Amino acid sequence: MNVVHKHLFATITNCMKSNDSYLNKKNSYLVDTRLEHLHVRAEYEENLPGSQKELSKLNDFSTPLKRLQCLKRVVTLCTRLVEAAKSDNCKRDGGYLLDLVEYHF
């Protein structure tokens, strides 16, 4: 299965080169984006270094399951404070989560 994934991944990567370069160009414009631009509350900022470190490991995994588990750990790290707030019966909206994940990419 791993051999099939490597071959398939290489083929897809080759087909998507132009899209990747376009996305990289767009990402270069986002270097100066700050959390407040994304309307993310300041209390979530402390979760970002750990989740960024975990997200940087994504390309180390070759199987879809391992990559999914890595993304799950990233989301868990980002929402760690939210789970603590739920135990305090605080109401939180979930709209910030997408902003946090997009900020990493």
C-alpha atoms as a PDB file:
ATOM      1  CA  MET A   1       0.000   0.000   0.000  1.00  0.00           C
ATOM      2  CA  ASN A   2       2.828   2.387   0.824  1.00  0.00           C
ATOM      3  CA  VAL A   3       4.414   1.855  -2.602  1.00  0.00           C
ATOM      4  CA  VAL A   4       1.109   2.590  -4.311  1.00  0.00           C
ATOM      5  CA  HIS A   5       0.685   5.733  -2.234  1.00  0.00           C
ATOM      6  CA  LYS A   6       4.195   6.971  -3.113  1.00  0.00           C
ATOM      7  CA  HIS A   7       3.623   6.438  -6.828  1.00  0.00           C
ATOM      8  CA  LEU A   8       0.153   7.982  -6.743  1.00  0.00           C
ATOM      9  CA  PHE A   9       1.325  10.916  -4.632  1.00  0.00           C
ATOM     10  CA  ALA A  10       4.195  11.618  -7.057  1.00  0.00           C
ATOM     11  CA  THR A  11       1.791  11.555 -10.007  1.00  0.00           C
ATOM     12  CA  ILE A  12      -0.712  13.861  -8.319  1.00  0.00           C
ATOM     13  CA  THR A  13       2.078  16.210  -7.230  1.00  0.00           C
ATOM     14  CA  ASN A  14       3.295  16.440 -10.807  1.00  0.00           C
ATOM     15  CA  CYS A  15      -0.212  17.182 -12.074  1.00  0.00           C
ATOM     16  CA  MET A  16      -0.805  19.859  -9.444  1.00  0.00           C
ATOM     17  CA  LYS A  17       2.492  21.779  -9.817  1.00  0.00           C
ATOM     18  CA  SER A  18       0.910  24.871 -11.316  1.00  0.00           C
ATOM     19  CA  ASN A  19      -1.739  25.009  -8.605  1.00  0.00           C
ATOM     20  CA  ASP A  20       0.941  24.595  -5.952  1.00  0.00           C
ATOM     21  CA  SER A  21       2.981  27.456  -7.333  1.00  0.00           C
ATOM     22  CA  TYR A  22      -0.122  29.665  -7.445  1.00  0.00           C
ATOM     23  CA  LEU A  23      -0.959  28.780  -3.841  1.00  0.00           C
ATOM     24  CA  ASN A  24       2.625  29.433  -2.724  1.00  0.00           C
ATOM     25  CA  LYS A  25       2.489  32.831  -4.392  1.00  0.00           C
ATOM     26  CA  LYS A  26      -0.760  33.660  -2.583  1.00  0.00           C
ATOM     27  CA  ASN A  27       0.689  32.434   0.719  1.00  0.00           C
ATOM     28  CA  SER A  28       3.683  34.726   0.360  1.00  0.00           C
ATOM     29  CA  TYR A  29       1.290  37.674   0.484  1.00  0.00           C
ATOM     30  CA  LEU A  30      -0.095  36.414   3.798  1.00  0.00           C
ATOM     31  CA  VAL A  31       3.199  36.655   5.696  1.00  0.00           C
ATOM     32  CA  ASP A  32       2.098  39.801   7.513  1.00  0.00           C
ATOM     33  CA  THR A  33      -1.284  38.352   8.537  1.00  0.00           C
ATOM     34  CA  ARG A  34      -1.841  38.478  12.295  1.00  0.00           C
ATOM     35  CA  LEU A  35      -4.372  36.694  14.450  1.00  0.00           C
ATOM     36  CA  GLU A  36      -6.315  39.878  15.047  1.00  0.00           C
ATOM     37  CA  HIS A  37      -6.788  40.193  11.260  1.00  0.00           C
ATOM     38  CA  LEU A  38      -8.540  36.818  11.379  1.00  0.00           C
ATOM     39  CA  HIS A  39     -10.621  37.839  14.409  1.00  0.00           C
ATOM     40  CA  VAL A  40      -9.055  35.128  16.580  1.00  0.00           C
ATOM     41  CA  ARG A  41      -9.159  35.864  20.281  1.00  0.00           C
ATOM     42  CA  ALA A  42      -5.838  36.490  22.026  1.00  0.00           C
ATOM     43  CA  GLU A  43      -6.261  33.617  24.494  1.00  0.00           C
ATOM     44  CA  TYR A  44      -5.767  31.114  21.644  1.00  0.00           C
ATOM     45  CA  GLU A  45      -2.411  32.570  20.668  1.00  0.00           C
ATOM     46  CA  GLU A  46      -0.565  30.478  23.243  1.00  0.00           C
ATOM     47  CA  ASN A  47      -1.753  27.290  21.509  1.00  0.00           C
ATOM     48  CA  LEU A  48      -0.263  28.227  18.146  1.00  0.00           C
ATOM     49  CA  PRO A  49       3.440  27.348  18.600  1.00  0.00           C
ATOM     50  CA  GLY A  50       2.677  23.748  19.547  1.00  0.00           C
ATOM     51  CA  SER A  51       0.111  23.316  16.810  1.00  0.00           C
ATOM     52  CA  GLN A  52       2.423  24.892  14.205  1.00  0.00           C
ATOM     53  CA  LYS A  53       5.181  22.506  15.236  1.00  0.00           C
ATOM     54  CA  GLU A  54       2.819  19.554  14.902  1.00  0.00           C
ATOM     55  CA  LEU A  55       1.517  20.777  11.541  1.00  0.00           C
ATOM     56  CA  SER A  56       5.070  21.087  10.217  1.00  0.00           C
ATOM     57  CA  LYS A  57       5.387  17.297  10.651  1.00  0.00           C
ATOM     58  CA  LEU A  58       2.525  16.619   8.221  1.00  0.00           C
ATOM     59  CA  ASN A  59       4.768  15.899   5.231  1.00  0.00           C
ATOM     60  CA  ASP A  60       6.760  13.381   7.280  1.00  0.00           C
ATOM     61  CA  PHE A  61       3.819  10.977   7.034  1.00  0.00           C
ATOM     62  CA  SER A  62       3.139   9.063   3.850  1.00  0.00           C
ATOM     63  CA  THR A  63      -0.151   7.323   4.613  1.00  0.00           C
ATOM     64  CA  PRO A  64      -3.495   9.123   4.632  1.00  0.00           C
ATOM     65  CA  LEU A  65      -4.306   7.724   8.090  1.00  0.00           C
ATOM     66  CA  LYS A  66      -1.098   9.084   9.626  1.00  0.00           C
ATOM     67  CA  ARG A  67      -1.707  12.468   8.001  1.00  0.00           C
ATOM     68  CA  LEU A  68      -5.251  12.540   9.322  1.00  0.00           C
ATOM     69  CA  GLN A  69      -3.997  11.702  12.810  1.00  0.00           C
ATOM     70  CA  CYS A  70      -1.483  14.548  12.537  1.00  0.00           C
ATOM     71  CA  LEU A  71      -4.256  16.982  11.562  1.00  0.00           C
ATOM     72  CA  LYS A  72      -6.332  15.706  14.463  1.00  0.00           C
ATOM     73  CA  ARG A  73      -3.464  16.483  16.855  1.00  0.00           C
ATOM     74  CA  VAL A  74      -3.200  19.988  15.357  1.00  0.00           C
ATOM     75  CA  VAL A  75      -6.905  20.650  15.910  1.00  0.00           C
ATOM     76  CA  THR A  76      -6.662  19.221  19.437  1.00  0.00           C
ATOM     77  CA  LEU A  77      -3.781  21.543  20.244  1.00  0.00           C
ATOM     78  CA  CYS A  78      -5.630  24.550  18.793  1.00  0.00           C
ATOM     79  CA  THR A  79      -8.796  23.858  20.739  1.00  0.00           C
ATOM     80  CA  ARG A  80      -7.202  22.898  24.038  1.00  0.00           C
ATOM     81  CA  LEU A  81      -8.373  26.131  25.687  1.00  0.00           C
ATOM     82  CA  VAL A  82     -11.884  25.698  24.318  1.00  0.00           C
ATOM     83  CA  GLU A  83     -12.243  22.324  26.033  1.00  0.00           C
ATOM     84  CA  ALA A  84     -11.145  23.885  29.322  1.00  0.00           C
ATOM     85  CA  ALA A  85     -13.700  26.654  28.827  1.00  0.00           C
ATOM     86  CA  LYS A  86     -16.455  24.108  28.196  1.00  0.00           C
ATOM     87  CA  SER A  87     -15.763  22.544  31.548  1.00  0.00           C
ATOM     88  CA  ASP A  88     -16.293  25.991  33.085  1.00  0.00           C
ATOM     89  CA  ASN A  89     -19.687  26.161  31.321  1.00  0.00           C
ATOM     90  CA  CYS A  90     -18.573  29.110  29.170  1.00  0.00           C
ATOM     91  CA  LYS A  91     -20.246  29.573  25.813  1.00  0.00           C
ATOM     92  CA  ARG A  92     -17.845  29.751  22.873  1.00  0.00           C
ATOM     93  CA  ASP A  93     -18.511  29.937  19.190  1.00  0.00           C
ATOM     94  CA  GLY A  94     -16.715  27.521  16.889  1.00  0.00           C
ATOM     95  CA  GLY A  95     -16.036  29.969  14.053  1.00  0.00           C
ATOM     96  CA  TYR A  96     -12.512  30.685  15.233  1.00  0.00           C
ATOM     97  CA  LEU A  97     -11.358  27.102  14.587  1.00  0.00           C
ATOM     98  CA  LEU A  98     -11.392  27.440  10.812  1.00  0.00           C
ATOM     99  CA  ASP A  99      -9.495  30.721  11.117  1.00  0.00           C
ATOM    100  CA  LEU A 100      -6.840  29.069  13.289  1.00  0.00           C
ATOM    101  CA  VAL A 101      -6.336  26.182  10.879  1.00  0.00           C
ATOM    102  CA  GLU A 102      -6.220  28.515   7.864  1.00  0.00           C
ATOM    103  CA  TYR A 103      -3.643  30.647   9.677  1.00  0.00           C
ATOM    104  CA  HIS A 104      -1.293  27.644   9.814  1.00  0.00           C
ATOM    105  CA  PHE A 105      -1.560  26.956   6.123  1.00  0.00           C
END
